[in-house]
C-alpha cells in the first residue's frame, strides 16, 4: 500500500493532484497511473463539489500467454 500526497484544499476551483505511477511487483497488473487526492470531498455526489476526485488514469497489464488444448 502506498500513500500519495494530496493536492491541497480547494479554493473555488479544481486542484488536480500530480500524476503518480505505481509499479506492481507481481500479479497481472504491471503498473497504474493515478491522480492522488485532489483536496475536495472524494466521490462527491452532492453536486456541491467540483468533482475533481482521486482517479485512475491508466492500468498496464503484464503480457499473458494462453494455450488452447488440441482437439
C-alpha atoms as a PDB file:
ATOM      1  CA  UNK A   1       0.000   0.000   0.000  1.00  0.00           C
ATOM      2  CA  UNK A   2       1.319   3.419  -0.960  1.00  0.00           C
ATOM      3  CA  UNK A   3       0.178   6.755   0.432  1.00  0.00           C
ATOM      4  CA  UNK A   4       0.324   9.526  -2.166  1.00  0.00           C
ATOM      5  CA  UNK A   5       0.451  13.244  -1.386  1.00  0.00           C
ATOM      6  CA  UNK A   6      -2.732  15.263  -1.781  1.00  0.00           C
ATOM      7  CA  UNK A   7      -3.048  18.378  -3.900  1.00  0.00           C
ATOM      8  CA  UNK A   8      -4.236  20.553  -1.036  1.00  0.00           C
ATOM      9  CA  UNK A   9      -7.536  22.298  -0.315  1.00  0.00           C
ATOM     10  CA  UNK A  10      -9.952  23.570  -2.963  1.00  0.00           C
ATOM     11  CA  UNK A  11     -10.453  27.328  -3.256  1.00  0.00           C
ATOM     12  CA  UNK A  12     -13.294  27.837  -5.790  1.00  0.00           C
ATOM     13  CA  UNK A  13     -11.537  25.753  -8.463  1.00  0.00           C
ATOM     14  CA  UNK A  14     -10.498  22.173  -9.050  1.00  0.00           C
ATOM     15  CA  UNK A  15      -6.999  21.448  -7.864  1.00  0.00           C
ATOM     16  CA  UNK A  16      -5.921  18.265  -9.642  1.00  0.00           C
ATOM     17  CA  UNK A  17      -3.101  16.488  -7.875  1.00  0.00           C
ATOM     18  CA  UNK A  18       0.039  15.178  -9.506  1.00  0.00           C
ATOM     19  CA  UNK A  19       0.071  12.004 -11.574  1.00  0.00           C
ATOM     20  CA  UNK A  20       1.770   9.086  -9.871  1.00  0.00           C
ATOM     21  CA  UNK A  21       2.950   5.858 -11.475  1.00  0.00           C
ATOM     22  CA  UNK A  22       2.681   2.880  -9.137  1.00  0.00           C
ATOM     23  CA  UNK A  23       4.671  -0.182 -10.189  1.00  0.00           C
ATOM     24  CA  UNK A  24       3.411  -3.575  -9.023  1.00  0.00           C
ATOM     25  CA  UNK A  25       5.942  -6.371  -8.370  1.00  0.00           C
ATOM     26  CA  UNK A  26       3.722  -9.382  -9.039  1.00  0.00           C
ATOM     27  CA  UNK A  27       0.361 -10.413 -10.420  1.00  0.00           C
ATOM     28  CA  UNK A  28      -1.341  -9.468 -13.686  1.00  0.00           C
ATOM     29  CA  UNK A  29      -1.019  -5.686 -13.210  1.00  0.00           C
ATOM     30  CA  UNK A  30       2.341  -4.130 -14.090  1.00  0.00           C
ATOM     31  CA  UNK A  31       1.596  -0.508 -13.225  1.00  0.00           C
ATOM     32  CA  UNK A  32      -1.120   2.055 -12.537  1.00  0.00           C
ATOM     33  CA  UNK A  33      -1.118   5.776 -13.207  1.00  0.00           C
ATOM     34  CA  UNK A  34      -3.300   7.680 -10.739  1.00  0.00           C
ATOM     35  CA  UNK A  35      -4.058  11.224  -9.667  1.00  0.00           C
ATOM     36  CA  UNK A  36      -3.943  11.378  -5.890  1.00  0.00           C
ATOM     37  CA  UNK A  37      -6.494  13.062  -3.637  1.00  0.00           C
ATOM     38  CA  UNK A  38      -7.327  16.424  -5.144  1.00  0.00           C
ATOM     39  CA  UNK A  39      -8.404  18.202  -1.985  1.00  0.00           C
ATOM     40  CA  UNK A  40     -12.165  18.036  -2.480  1.00  0.00           C
ATOM     41  CA  UNK A  41     -14.512  15.509  -0.932  1.00  0.00           C
ATOM     42  CA  UNK A  42     -13.850  12.240  -2.727  1.00  0.00           C
ATOM     43  CA  UNK A  43     -16.617  10.772  -4.830  1.00  0.00           C
ATOM     44  CA  UNK A  44     -18.773  13.841  -4.354  1.00  0.00           C
ATOM     45  CA  UNK A  45     -22.332  13.111  -5.491  1.00  0.00           C
ATOM     46  CA  UNK A  46     -23.963  16.170  -3.911  1.00  0.00           C
ATOM     47  CA  UNK A  47     -23.296  18.453  -6.863  1.00  0.00           C
ATOM     48  CA  UNK A  48     -21.733  20.988  -4.462  1.00  0.00           C
ATOM     49  CA  UNK A  49     -18.110  19.961  -5.091  1.00  0.00           C
ATOM     50  CA  UNK A  50     -16.092  20.331  -8.255  1.00  0.00           C
ATOM     51  CA  UNK A  51     -15.861  16.527  -8.531  1.00  0.00           C
ATOM     52  CA  UNK A  52     -12.086  16.533  -9.079  1.00  0.00           C
ATOM     53  CA  UNK A  53     -11.644  13.316  -7.166  1.00  0.00           C
ATOM     54  CA  UNK A  54      -8.928  10.692  -6.935  1.00  0.00           C
ATOM     55  CA  UNK A  55      -8.889   8.778 -10.205  1.00  0.00           C
ATOM     56  CA  UNK A  56      -7.154   6.024 -12.125  1.00  0.00           C
ATOM     57  CA  UNK A  57      -5.705   7.310 -15.402  1.00  0.00           C
ATOM     58  CA  UNK A  58      -4.434   4.001 -16.790  1.00  0.00           C
ATOM     59  CA  UNK A  59      -3.678   0.381 -15.906  1.00  0.00           C
ATOM     60  CA  UNK A  60      -0.939  -1.578 -17.687  1.00  0.00           C
ATOM     61  CA  UNK A  61      -1.200  -5.362 -17.589  1.00  0.00           C
ATOM     62  CA  UNK A  62       1.643  -7.835 -17.928  1.00  0.00           C
ATOM     63  CA  UNK A  63       1.637  -9.946 -21.099  1.00  0.00           C
ATOM     64  CA  UNK A  64      -0.083 -13.297 -20.723  1.00  0.00           C
ATOM     65  CA  UNK A  65       0.109 -16.455 -22.774  1.00  0.00           C
ATOM     66  CA  UNK A  66      -2.978 -18.534 -23.395  1.00  0.00           C
ATOM     67  CA  UNK A  67      -2.755 -22.047 -24.775  1.00  0.00           C
ATOM     68  CA  UNK A  68      -5.796 -23.765 -26.223  1.00  0.00           C
ATOM     69  CA  UNK A  69      -5.977 -27.558 -25.830  1.00  0.00           C
ATOM     70  CA  UNK A  70      -5.501 -29.577 -29.027  1.00  0.00           C
ATOM     71  CA  UNK A  71      -8.661 -31.154 -30.408  1.00  0.00           C
END
